[in-house]
């Protein structure tokens, strides 16, 4: 969950590493992503800035970043930023979640 209209920024984090992006593995994935972006564009007041790029290389996160929310649920960032976004996603996609 992020702001797809915000280029080089997600919340308080700023820089090109925070630019929204979708990495596709096939032309079919690219077509689906393009279609979804077109469908969602009217829902936002600004143009979608999400980049659509071919997948090249995966770089795993450093160990201290992995499962951060699960390991630090009481950390201020987790309580104030991640938890509300997860709750919003759970409500929005309730029909898709397992009971």
Protein backbone atom coordinates (compact mmCIF):
# COMPACT_ATOMS: atom_id res chain seq x y z
CA UNK A 1 0.00 0.00 0.00
CA UNK A 2 1.59 3.19 -1.18
CA UNK A 3 0.79 6.38 -3.03
CA UNK A 4 1.27 5.53 -6.72
CA UNK A 5 1.22 9.24 -7.62
CA UNK A 6 4.21 10.13 -5.46
CA UNK A 7 7.46 10.03 -7.40
CA UNK A 8 10.63 9.33 -5.39
CA UNK A 9 8.80 9.46 -2.08
CA UNK A 10 6.71 7.22 0.18
CA UNK A 11 5.54 9.02 3.30
CA UNK A 12 8.53 10.50 5.10
CA UNK A 13 11.01 8.49 3.02
CA UNK A 14 12.50 10.39 0.08
CA UNK A 15 14.79 9.32 -2.75
CA UNK A 16 14.77 7.35 -5.98
CA UNK A 17 14.76 4.07 -4.01
CA UNK A 18 11.23 5.01 -2.86
CA UNK A 19 9.84 5.48 -6.36
CA UNK A 20 6.78 3.27 -6.93
CA UNK A 21 7.47 0.52 -9.46
CA UNK A 22 6.03 -2.68 -10.86
CA UNK A 23 8.53 -5.20 -12.22
CA UNK A 24 7.12 -7.59 -14.78
CA UNK A 25 8.46 -11.00 -15.86
CA UNK A 26 6.49 -11.36 -19.09
CA UNK A 27 4.63 -9.33 -21.69
CA UNK A 28 1.37 -10.66 -20.25
CA UNK A 29 2.25 -9.31 -16.80
CA UNK A 30 3.14 -5.99 -18.42
CA UNK A 31 -0.23 -5.84 -20.24
CA UNK A 32 -2.13 -6.66 -17.03
CA UNK A 33 -0.23 -4.00 -15.06
CA UNK A 34 -0.87 -1.41 -17.78
CA UNK A 35 -4.59 -2.25 -17.78
CA UNK A 36 -4.86 -2.00 -14.00
CA UNK A 37 -2.98 1.30 -13.96
CA UNK A 38 -5.38 2.71 -16.60
CA UNK A 39 -8.36 1.45 -14.61
CA UNK A 40 -7.12 3.01 -11.35
CA UNK A 41 -5.89 6.33 -12.79
CA UNK A 42 -9.28 8.10 -12.51
CA UNK A 43 -9.36 7.35 -8.77
CA UNK A 44 -6.37 9.61 -8.09
CA UNK A 45 -6.21 13.41 -8.23
CA UNK A 46 -2.70 13.32 -9.71
CA UNK A 47 -1.21 11.18 -12.52
CA UNK A 48 0.10 7.76 -11.53
CA UNK A 49 3.89 7.91 -11.24
CA UNK A 50 4.41 4.16 -10.82
CA UNK A 51 7.11 2.95 -13.19
CA UNK A 52 6.56 -0.24 -15.17
CA UNK A 53 9.92 -1.95 -15.63
CA UNK A 54 11.17 -5.35 -16.77
CA UNK A 55 12.46 -7.53 -13.95
CA UNK A 56 16.22 -7.94 -14.08
CA UNK A 57 17.79 -8.81 -10.74
CA UNK A 58 16.35 -9.46 -7.28
CA UNK A 59 18.28 -8.08 -4.32
CA UNK A 60 17.16 -9.57 -1.00
CA UNK A 61 16.78 -7.14 1.90
CA UNK A 62 19.33 -7.15 4.66
CA UNK A 63 18.42 -9.56 7.47
CA UNK A 64 17.42 -6.76 9.86
CA UNK A 65 14.76 -5.57 7.38
CA UNK A 66 13.18 -8.98 6.84
CA UNK A 67 9.92 -9.62 8.71
CA UNK A 68 10.42 -6.27 10.47
CA UNK A 69 6.75 -5.75 11.29
CA UNK A 70 6.37 -9.28 12.68
CA UNK A 71 9.48 -8.85 14.82
CA UNK A 72 8.81 -5.26 15.96
CA UNK A 73 5.01 -4.74 16.11
CA UNK A 74 5.34 -2.15 18.90
CA UNK A 75 7.94 0.00 17.13
CA UNK A 76 6.53 3.48 16.44
CA UNK A 77 6.84 3.10 12.66
CA UNK A 78 5.00 -0.22 12.79
CA UNK A 79 2.21 1.10 15.01
CA UNK A 80 1.76 4.45 13.27
CA UNK A 81 2.46 3.60 9.62
CA UNK A 82 2.36 -0.12 8.85
CA UNK A 83 -0.50 -1.26 11.12
CA UNK A 84 -3.01 1.31 9.79
CA UNK A 85 -2.10 0.44 6.19
CA UNK A 86 -2.55 -3.27 6.89
CA UNK A 87 -5.92 -2.64 8.52
CA UNK A 88 -7.01 -0.57 5.52
CA UNK A 89 -5.93 -3.37 3.16
CA UNK A 90 -7.71 -6.01 5.25
CA UNK A 91 -10.94 -4.01 5.08
CA UNK A 92 -10.60 -3.30 1.36
CA UNK A 93 -9.86 -6.92 0.48
CA UNK A 94 -11.95 -8.64 3.17
CA UNK A 95 -13.79 -10.74 0.60
CA UNK A 96 -10.48 -12.18 -0.64
CA UNK A 97 -9.10 -13.17 2.76
CA UNK A 98 -9.35 -16.66 4.16
CA UNK A 99 -11.66 -17.06 7.18
